[in-house]
C-alpha atoms as a PDB file:
ATOM      1  CA  UNK A   1       0.000   0.000   0.000  1.00  0.00           C
ATOM      2  CA  UNK A   2       1.404   3.345  -1.064  1.00  0.00           C
ATOM      3  CA  UNK A   3       0.025   6.385   0.744  1.00  0.00           C
ATOM      4  CA  UNK A   4       0.699  10.030  -0.057  1.00  0.00           C
ATOM      5  CA  UNK A   5       0.107  12.673   2.602  1.00  0.00           C
ATOM      6  CA  UNK A   6      -0.296  16.348   1.666  1.00  0.00           C
ATOM      7  CA  UNK A   7       1.408  18.521   4.279  1.00  0.00           C
ATOM      8  CA  UNK A   8       1.228  22.283   4.771  1.00  0.00           C
ATOM      9  CA  UNK A   9       3.571  24.348   6.933  1.00  0.00           C
ATOM     10  CA  UNK A  10       1.676  26.895   9.034  1.00  0.00           C
ATOM     11  CA  UNK A  11       2.343  29.290  11.927  1.00  0.00           C
ATOM     12  CA  UNK A  12       2.105  27.813  15.418  1.00  0.00           C
ATOM     13  CA  UNK A  13      -1.619  27.991  16.239  1.00  0.00           C
ATOM     14  CA  UNK A  14      -0.990  28.081  19.998  1.00  0.00           C
ATOM     15  CA  UNK A  15       0.378  31.643  19.665  1.00  0.00           C
ATOM     16  CA  UNK A  16      -2.058  34.567  19.615  1.00  0.00           C
ATOM     17  CA  UNK A  17      -1.584  36.346  16.315  1.00  0.00           C
ATOM     18  CA  UNK A  18      -2.624  39.967  15.809  1.00  0.00           C
ATOM     19  CA  UNK A  19      -2.545  42.242  12.803  1.00  0.00           C
ATOM     20  CA  UNK A  20       0.495  44.460  12.330  1.00  0.00           C
ATOM     21  CA  UNK A  21       0.480  48.112  11.304  1.00  0.00           C
ATOM     22  CA  UNK A  22       0.508  47.029   7.656  1.00  0.00           C
ATOM     23  CA  UNK A  23      -2.777  45.160   8.119  1.00  0.00           C
ATOM     24  CA  UNK A  24      -1.091  41.760   7.711  1.00  0.00           C
ATOM     25  CA  UNK A  25      -0.868  39.030  10.391  1.00  0.00           C
ATOM     26  CA  UNK A  26       2.233  39.531  12.540  1.00  0.00           C
ATOM     27  CA  UNK A  27       3.883  36.103  12.511  1.00  0.00           C
ATOM     28  CA  UNK A  28       7.151  37.200  14.126  1.00  0.00           C
ATOM     29  CA  UNK A  29       6.416  35.300  17.347  1.00  0.00           C
ATOM     30  CA  UNK A  30       4.926  32.197  15.743  1.00  0.00           C
ATOM     31  CA  UNK A  31       7.283  29.426  14.665  1.00  0.00           C
ATOM     32  CA  UNK A  32       6.386  27.398  11.596  1.00  0.00           C
ATOM     33  CA  UNK A  33       5.197  23.814  11.975  1.00  0.00           C
ATOM     34  CA  UNK A  34       3.216  21.150  10.182  1.00  0.00           C
ATOM     35  CA  UNK A  35      -0.506  21.799  10.032  1.00  0.00           C
ATOM     36  CA  UNK A  36      -2.200  19.919  12.891  1.00  0.00           C
ATOM     37  CA  UNK A  37      -4.716  18.008  10.767  1.00  0.00           C
ATOM     38  CA  UNK A  38      -1.957  17.084   8.299  1.00  0.00           C
ATOM     39  CA  UNK A  39       0.085  15.626  11.168  1.00  0.00           C
ATOM     40  CA  UNK A  40      -2.955  13.535  12.136  1.00  0.00           C
ATOM     41  CA  UNK A  41      -3.099  12.344   8.524  1.00  0.00           C
ATOM     42  CA  UNK A  42       0.585  11.425   8.592  1.00  0.00           C
ATOM     43  CA  UNK A  43       0.247   9.523  11.859  1.00  0.00           C
ATOM     44  CA  UNK A  44      -2.755   7.603  10.488  1.00  0.00           C
ATOM     45  CA  UNK A  45      -0.824   6.755   7.318  1.00  0.00           C
ATOM     46  CA  UNK A  46       2.257   5.568   9.228  1.00  0.00           C
ATOM     47  CA  UNK A  47       0.143   3.420  11.549  1.00  0.00           C
ATOM     48  CA  UNK A  48      -1.587   1.890   8.539  1.00  0.00           C
ATOM     49  CA  UNK A  49       1.623   0.869   6.781  1.00  0.00           C
ATOM     50  CA  UNK A  50       3.152  -0.384  10.054  1.00  0.00           C
ATOM     51  CA  UNK A  51       0.198  -2.762  10.357  1.00  0.00           C
ATOM     52  CA  UNK A  52      -0.296  -3.638   6.697  1.00  0.00           C
ATOM     53  CA  UNK A  53       2.931  -2.878   4.843  1.00  0.00           C
ATOM     54  CA  UNK A  54       3.786  -0.223   2.306  1.00  0.00           C
ATOM     55  CA  UNK A  55       5.347   3.223   2.429  1.00  0.00           C
ATOM     56  CA  UNK A  56       4.339   6.821   3.067  1.00  0.00           C
ATOM     57  CA  UNK A  57       5.332   9.776   0.888  1.00  0.00           C
ATOM     58  CA  UNK A  58       4.771  13.356   2.063  1.00  0.00           C
ATOM     59  CA  UNK A  59       4.305  16.190  -0.427  1.00  0.00           C
ATOM     60  CA  UNK A  60       4.171  19.899   0.277  1.00  0.00           C
ATOM     61  CA  UNK A  61       3.837  22.983  -1.901  1.00  0.00           C
ATOM     62  CA  UNK A  62       5.984  25.964  -0.988  1.00  0.00           C
ATOM     63  CA  UNK A  63       9.526  27.272  -0.814  1.00  0.00           C
ATOM     64  CA  UNK A  64      12.834  26.234   0.726  1.00  0.00           C
ATOM     65  CA  UNK A  65      11.513  27.431   4.100  1.00  0.00           C
ATOM     66  CA  UNK A  66       8.777  24.793   3.982  1.00  0.00           C
ATOM     67  CA  UNK A  67      11.272  21.929   4.141  1.00  0.00           C
ATOM     68  CA  UNK A  68      11.152  22.014   7.954  1.00  0.00           C
ATOM     69  CA  UNK A  69       7.818  20.195   8.095  1.00  0.00           C
ATOM     70  CA  UNK A  70       9.110  17.682   5.543  1.00  0.00           C
ATOM     71  CA  UNK A  71      12.145  16.888   7.676  1.00  0.00           C
ATOM     72  CA  UNK A  72       9.889  16.397  10.659  1.00  0.00           C
ATOM     73  CA  UNK A  73       7.750  14.059   8.540  1.00  0.00           C
ATOM     74  CA  UNK A  74      10.814  11.927   7.806  1.00  0.00           C
ATOM     75  CA  UNK A  75      11.589  11.749  11.515  1.00  0.00           C
ATOM     76  CA  UNK A  76       8.169  10.283  12.373  1.00  0.00           C
ATOM     77  CA  UNK A  77       7.794   7.619   9.722  1.00  0.00           C
ATOM     78  CA  UNK A  78       7.598   9.003   6.197  1.00  0.00           C
ATOM     79  CA  UNK A  79       9.778   7.058   3.758  1.00  0.00           C
ATOM     80  CA  UNK A  80      10.016   9.852   1.207  1.00  0.00           C
ATOM     81  CA  UNK A  81       9.269  13.586   1.093  1.00  0.00           C
ATOM     82  CA  UNK A  82       9.004  15.942  -1.865  1.00  0.00           C
ATOM     83  CA  UNK A  83       8.776  19.729  -2.134  1.00  0.00           C
ATOM     84  CA  UNK A  84       6.869  21.211  -5.062  1.00  0.00           C
ATOM     85  CA  UNK A  85       8.045  24.769  -5.548  1.00  0.00           C
ATOM     86  CA  UNK A  86       5.235  27.256  -5.946  1.00  0.00           C
ATOM     87  CA  UNK A  87       2.384  28.944  -4.177  1.00  0.00           C
ATOM     88  CA  UNK A  88      -1.305  28.541  -4.842  1.00  0.00           C
ATOM     89  CA  UNK A  89      -3.126  31.846  -5.044  1.00  0.00           C
ATOM     90  CA  UNK A  90      -6.152  30.167  -3.454  1.00  0.00           C
ATOM     91  CA  UNK A  91      -7.418  26.671  -2.579  1.00  0.00           C
ATOM     92  CA  UNK A  92      -7.949  25.758  -6.234  1.00  0.00           C
ATOM     93  CA  UNK A  93      -4.425  26.847  -7.136  1.00  0.00           C
ATOM     94  CA  UNK A  94      -2.914  24.868  -4.265  1.00  0.00           C
ATOM     95  CA  UNK A  95      -4.926  21.795  -5.276  1.00  0.00           C
ATOM     96  CA  UNK A  96      -3.745  22.197  -8.878  1.00  0.00           C
ATOM     97  CA  UNK A  97      -0.091  22.214  -7.782  1.00  0.00           C
ATOM     98  CA  UNK A  98      -0.630  19.216  -5.492  1.00  0.00           C
ATOM     99  CA  UNK A  99      -2.449  17.281  -8.220  1.00  0.00           C
ATOM    100  CA  UNK A 100       0.291  17.996 -10.757  1.00  0.00           C
ATOM    101  CA  UNK A 101       2.953  16.967  -8.243  1.00  0.00           C
ATOM    102  CA  UNK A 102       1.103  13.741  -7.440  1.00  0.00           C
ATOM    103  CA  UNK A 103       0.694  12.880 -11.124  1.00  0.00           C
ATOM    104  CA  UNK A 104       4.412  13.462 -11.725  1.00  0.00           C
ATOM    105  CA  UNK A 105       5.372  11.181  -8.829  1.00  0.00           C
ATOM    106  CA  UNK A 106       2.914   8.522  -9.974  1.00  0.00           C
ATOM    107  CA  UNK A 107       4.309   8.638 -13.509  1.00  0.00           C
ATOM    108  CA  UNK A 108       7.835   8.176 -12.124  1.00  0.00           C
ATOM    109  CA  UNK A 109       6.686   5.320  -9.875  1.00  0.00           C
ATOM    110  CA  UNK A 110       4.657   3.651 -12.627  1.00  0.00           C
ATOM    111  CA  UNK A 111       1.564   3.347 -10.411  1.00  0.00           C
ATOM    112  CA  UNK A 112      -0.983   5.520  -8.638  1.00  0.00           C
ATOM    113  CA  UNK A 113      -0.872   6.066  -4.907  1.00  0.00           C
ATOM    114  CA  UNK A 114      -3.462   3.809  -3.266  1.00  0.00           C
ATOM    115  CA  UNK A 115      -4.586   6.570  -0.917  1.00  0.00           C
ATOM    116  CA  UNK A 116      -4.024  10.315  -0.739  1.00  0.00           C
ATOM    117  CA  UNK A 117      -4.528  11.869   2.707  1.00  0.00           C
ATOM    118  CA  UNK A 118      -5.133  15.577   3.361  1.00  0.00           C
ATOM    119  CA  UNK A 119      -5.898  17.228   6.680  1.00  0.00           C
ATOM    120  CA  UNK A 120      -9.547  18.295   6.810  1.00  0.00           C
ATOM    121  CA  UNK A 121      -8.464  21.957   6.995  1.00  0.00           C
ATOM    122  CA  UNK A 122      -5.472  24.147   7.740  1.00  0.00           C
ATOM    123  CA  UNK A 123      -5.178  26.015  11.014  1.00  0.00           C
ATOM    124  CA  UNK A 124      -4.199  29.284   9.335  1.00  0.00           C
ATOM    125  CA  UNK A 125      -6.995  29.818   6.794  1.00  0.00           C
ATOM    126  CA  UNK A 126      -9.428  27.057   7.906  1.00  0.00           C
ATOM    127  CA  UNK A 127     -10.932  26.833   4.420  1.00  0.00           C
ATOM    128  CA  UNK A 128     -11.379  23.068   4.259  1.00  0.00           C
ATOM    129  CA  UNK A 129     -11.448  23.068   0.437  1.00  0.00           C
ATOM    130  CA  UNK A 130      -8.119  21.778  -0.866  1.00  0.00           C
ATOM    131  CA  UNK A 131      -8.838  18.080  -0.295  1.00  0.00           C
ATOM    132  CA  UNK A 132     -12.185  18.261  -2.055  1.00  0.00           C
ATOM    133  CA  UNK A 133     -10.784  20.129  -5.070  1.00  0.00           C
ATOM    134  CA  UNK A 134      -7.796  17.774  -5.215  1.00  0.00           C
ATOM    135  CA  UNK A 135     -10.082  14.714  -5.365  1.00  0.00           C
ATOM    136  CA  UNK A 136     -12.107  16.308  -8.155  1.00  0.00           C
ATOM    137  CA  UNK A 137      -8.946  17.201 -10.077  1.00  0.00           C
ATOM    138  CA  UNK A 138      -7.575  13.655  -9.751  1.00  0.00           C
ATOM    139  CA  UNK A 139     -11.023  12.174 -10.544  1.00  0.00           C
ATOM    140  CA  UNK A 140     -10.871   9.784  -7.595  1.00  0.00           C
ATOM    141  CA  UNK A 141     -13.372   8.624  -4.940  1.00  0.00           C
ATOM    142  CA  UNK A 142     -13.437  10.908  -1.929  1.00  0.00           C
ATOM    143  CA  UNK A 143     -14.520  10.764   1.721  1.00  0.00           C
ATOM    144  CA  UNK A 144     -14.295  13.632   4.221  1.00  0.00           C
ATOM    145  CA  UNK A 145     -13.568  13.690   7.962  1.00  0.00           C
ATOM    146  CA  UNK A 146     -12.013  10.216   8.170  1.00  0.00           C
ATOM    147  CA  UNK A 147     -10.791   9.088  11.608  1.00  0.00           C
ATOM    148  CA  UNK A 148      -9.958   5.445  10.857  1.00  0.00           C
ATOM    149  CA  UNK A 149      -8.916   3.358   7.837  1.00  0.00           C
ATOM    150  CA  UNK A 150      -9.022  -0.440   7.611  1.00  0.00           C
ATOM    151  CA  UNK A 151      -7.947  -2.688   4.729  1.00  0.00           C
ATOM    152  CA  UNK A 152     -10.467  -4.799   2.806  1.00  0.00           C
ATOM    153  CA  UNK A 153     -10.427  -6.846  -0.400  1.00  0.00           C
ATOM    154  CA  UNK A 154      -9.308  -4.467  -3.174  1.00  0.00           C
ATOM    155  CA  UNK A 155     -10.696  -1.541  -1.187  1.00  0.00           C
ATOM    156  CA  UNK A 156     -10.607   0.139   2.231  1.00  0.00           C
ATOM    157  CA  UNK A 157     -13.227   0.737   4.884  1.00  0.00           C
ATOM    158  CA  UNK A 158     -13.089   4.174   6.484  1.00  0.00           C
ATOM    159  CA  UNK A 159     -14.776   5.552   9.576  1.00  0.00           C
ATOM    160  CA  UNK A 160     -16.225   8.977   8.816  1.00  0.00           C
ATOM    161  CA  UNK A 161     -16.930  11.433  11.627  1.00  0.00           C
ATOM    162  CA  UNK A 162     -20.415  12.983  11.687  1.00  0.00           C
ATOM    163  CA  UNK A 163     -21.963  15.553  13.996  1.00  0.00           C
ATOM    164  CA  UNK A 164     -24.230  12.809  15.319  1.00  0.00           C
ATOM    165  CA  UNK A 165     -21.705   9.965  15.449  1.00  0.00           C
ATOM    166  CA  UNK A 166     -19.806   7.942  12.857  1.00  0.00           C
ATOM    167  CA  UNK A 167     -20.416   6.282   9.498  1.00  0.00           C
ATOM    168  CA  UNK A 168     -18.535   3.317   7.994  1.00  0.00           C
ATOM    169  CA  UNK A 169     -17.891   3.760   4.261  1.00  0.00           C
ATOM    170  CA  UNK A 170     -16.371   1.313   1.760  1.00  0.00           C
ATOM    171  CA  UNK A 171     -14.140   3.009  -0.794  1.00  0.00           C
ATOM    172  CA  UNK A 172     -12.294   1.600  -3.808  1.00  0.00           C
ATOM    173  CA  UNK A 173      -8.660   2.488  -4.325  1.00  0.00           C
ATOM    174  CA  UNK A 174      -7.029   4.717  -5.443  1.00  0.00           C
ATOM    175  CA  UNK A 175      -8.950   7.296  -3.419  1.00  0.00           C
ATOM    176  CA  UNK A 176      -8.600  10.623  -1.589  1.00  0.00           C
ATOM    177  CA  UNK A 177      -9.542  11.240   2.047  1.00  0.00           C
ATOM    178  CA  UNK A 178      -9.522  14.282   4.320  1.00  0.00           C
ATOM    179  CA  UNK A 179      -8.521  13.369   7.869  1.00  0.00           C
ATOM    180  CA  UNK A 180     -10.120  14.621  11.077  1.00  0.00           C
ATOM    181  CA  UNK A 181      -8.753  14.157  14.620  1.00  0.00           C
ATOM    182  CA  UNK A 182      -8.491  10.418  15.420  1.00  0.00           C
ATOM    183  CA  UNK A 183      -8.467   9.054  18.968  1.00  0.00           C
ATOM    184  CA  UNK A 184      -4.660   9.333  19.225  1.00  0.00           C
ATOM    185  CA  UNK A 185      -2.008  12.022  18.839  1.00  0.00           C
ATOM    186  CA  UNK A 186       0.950  12.180  16.461  1.00  0.00           C
ATOM    187  CA  UNK A 187       4.109  10.472  17.713  1.00  0.00           C
ATOM    188  CA  UNK A 188       7.251  12.338  18.752  1.00  0.00           C
ATOM    189  CA  UNK A 189      10.474  11.778  16.806  1.00  0.00           C
ATOM    190  CA  UNK A 190      13.439  10.091  18.427  1.00  0.00           C
ATOM    191  CA  UNK A 191      16.806  11.844  18.646  1.00  0.00           C
ATOM    192  CA  UNK A 192      18.222   9.354  16.136  1.00  0.00           C
ATOM    193  CA  UNK A 193      15.428   9.907  13.616  1.00  0.00           C
ATOM    194  CA  UNK A 194      15.689  13.700  13.972  1.00  0.00           C
ATOM    195  CA  UNK A 195      19.421  13.611  13.216  1.00  0.00           C
ATOM    196  CA  UNK A 196      18.852  11.372  10.186  1.00  0.00           C
ATOM    197  CA  UNK A 197      16.078  13.645   8.915  1.00  0.00           C
ATOM    198  CA  UNK A 198      18.270  16.717   9.342  1.00  0.00           C
ATOM    199  CA  UNK A 199      20.903  15.132   7.086  1.00  0.00           C
ATOM    200  CA  UNK A 200      18.449  13.903   4.450  1.00  0.00           C
ATOM    201  CA  UNK A 201      18.401  15.484   0.999  1.00  0.00           C
ATOM    202  CA  UNK A 202      14.885  16.600   0.083  1.00  0.00           C
ATOM    203  CA  UNK A 203      13.938  16.321  -3.608  1.00  0.00           C
ATOM    204  CA  UNK A 204      12.529  19.514  -5.098  1.00  0.00           C
ATOM    205  CA  UNK A 205      10.228  19.718  -8.113  1.00  0.00           C
ATOM    206  CA  UNK A 206      10.230  23.064  -9.923  1.00  0.00           C
ATOM    207  CA  UNK A 207       6.877  24.438 -11.013  1.00  0.00           C
ATOM    208  CA  UNK A 208       8.157  24.405 -14.599  1.00  0.00           C
ATOM    209  CA  UNK A 209       8.428  20.596 -14.402  1.00  0.00           C
ATOM    210  CA  UNK A 210       4.698  20.187 -13.731  1.00  0.00           C
ATOM    211  CA  UNK A 211       2.032  19.561 -16.344  1.00  0.00           C
ATOM    212  CA  UNK A 212      -0.328  22.365 -15.350  1.00  0.00           C
ATOM    213  CA  UNK A 213      -3.337  23.270 -17.449  1.00  0.00           C
ATOM    214  CA  UNK A 214      -3.571  26.831 -18.742  1.00  0.00           C
ATOM    215  CA  UNK A 215      -5.139  29.037 -16.087  1.00  0.00           C
ATOM    216  CA  UNK A 216      -4.874  26.356 -13.381  1.00  0.00           C
ATOM    217  CA  UNK A 217      -3.212  28.818 -11.014  1.00  0.00           C
ATOM    218  CA  UNK A 218      -5.551  31.712 -11.748  1.00  0.00           C
ATOM    219  CA  UNK A 219      -7.252  32.722  -8.534  1.00  0.00           C
ATOM    220  CA  UNK A 220     -10.926  31.822  -8.261  1.00  0.00           C
ATOM    221  CA  UNK A 221     -11.260  33.773  -5.011  1.00  0.00           C
ATOM    222  CA  UNK A 222      -9.851  37.235  -4.342  1.00  0.00           C
ATOM    223  CA  UNK A 223      -8.625  38.328  -0.936  1.00  0.00           C
ATOM    224  CA  UNK A 224      -9.483  41.855   0.150  1.00  0.00           C
ATOM    225  CA  UNK A 225      -8.122  42.293   3.666  1.00  0.00           C
ATOM    226  CA  UNK A 226      -7.616  40.775   7.102  1.00  0.00           C
ATOM    227  CA  UNK A 227      -9.899  42.007   9.887  1.00  0.00           C
ATOM    228  CA  UNK A 228      -9.650  41.317  13.589  1.00  0.00           C
ATOM    229  CA  UNK A 229     -12.817  40.285  15.440  1.00  0.00           C
ATOM    230  CA  UNK A 230     -14.553  43.286  17.053  1.00  0.00           C
ATOM    231  CA  UNK A 231     -13.697  43.811  20.695  1.00  0.00           C
ATOM    232  CA  UNK A 232     -16.411  42.811  23.131  1.00  0.00           C
ATOM    233  CA  UNK A 233     -18.054  45.682  24.945  1.00  0.00           C
ATOM    234  CA  UNK A 234     -18.062  45.653  28.722  1.00  0.00           C
ATOM    235  CA  UNK A 235     -21.173  44.103  30.221  1.00  0.00           C
ATOM    236  CA  UNK A 236     -23.397  45.420  33.008  1.00  0.00           C
ATOM    237  CA  UNK A 237     -22.992  43.854  36.437  1.00  0.00           C
ATOM    238  CA  UNK A 238     -26.211  43.591  38.481  1.00  0.00           C
ATOM    239  CA  UNK A 239     -25.248  43.805  42.179  1.00  0.00           C
ATOM    240  CA  UNK A 240     -28.661  43.628  43.823  1.00  0.00           C
ATOM    241  CA  UNK A 241     -28.612  41.380  46.905  1.00  0.00           C
ATOM    242  CA  UNK A 242     -32.210  40.226  46.544  1.00  0.00           C
ATOM    243  CA  UNK A 243     -32.837  37.767  43.688  1.00  0.00           C
ATOM    244  CA  UNK A 244     -36.215  39.230  42.724  1.00  0.00           C
ATOM    245  CA  UNK A 245     -34.794  42.743  42.674  1.00  0.00           C
ATOM    246  CA  UNK A 246     -31.827  41.567  40.595  1.00  0.00           C
ATOM    247  CA  UNK A 247     -34.126  39.952  38.026  1.00  0.00           C
ATOM    248  CA  UNK A 248     -36.271  43.088  37.858  1.00  0.00           C
ATOM    249  CA  UNK A 249     -33.158  45.202  37.383  1.00  0.00           C
ATOM    250  CA  UNK A 250     -31.875  42.917  34.616  1.00  0.00           C
ATOM    251  CA  UNK A 251     -35.223  43.047  32.795  1.00  0.00           C
ATOM    252  CA  UNK A 252     -35.209  46.815  33.085  1.00  0.00           C
ATOM    253  CA  UNK A 253     -31.757  47.001  31.461  1.00  0.00           C
ATOM    254  CA  UNK A 254     -32.796  44.618  28.659  1.00  0.00           C
ATOM    255  CA  UNK A 255     -35.933  46.636  27.992  1.00  0.00           C
ATOM    256  CA  UNK A 256     -33.953  49.869  27.868  1.00  0.00           C
ATOM    257  CA  UNK A 257     -31.594  48.314  25.288  1.00  0.00           C
ATOM    258  CA  UNK A 258     -34.676  47.100  23.374  1.00  0.00           C
ATOM    259  CA  UNK A 259     -33.597  43.467  23.719  1.00  0.00           C
ATOM    260  CA  UNK A 260     -37.051  42.611  25.088  1.00  0.00           C
END
């Protein structure tokens, strides 16, 4: 079983990020790391091949700076990593670059990847669109919000997360899945694996080497500006000692603000 995981490098989402004077997010205090849902996808892929055999390849779109998440992927179980140079102007553009990179790798390998995993969304833009567009571009079966994958005869059975529970779905292969949070966390790399990953040479595919359709990278969505959420106004504290008086006071305030 050959699994490809799409990885994106994003700012650390545990750091509060505000807008700078130029109106852009100030990322100076946020270190770059692999997108959380993509790391769940990688862990799921590695666990699958450890149990059933195969290998995991990790692909990311970006620049030389984005190799950090690829090195970390090598240290936690990926057999191969590849950087596709470029930047999607929007989700469709990113999916186009990923699809072209996947097709190039498959042509070199002489076979399609059995499964392509994407995180359900990225923690920076939280669009949740790249996986869907990628599946459509590759013309492959697709299931969202997968939290478990099991092998079956010439297919796989996936557990899909729903708001009301879970759904088991049979899918032929090759296929594309977006991965939600499973019931385990990504593993930590060992010192030995980190040193080996740091020394590894990461293959780079130039955008000029990809078979991209005309207009594939043209933005379908335009970005106007970043806006911070409005600050919450201070509330009114009712300090009446008697409960009935406090309720009456609260109703009076609500009526004055025309809430009631």
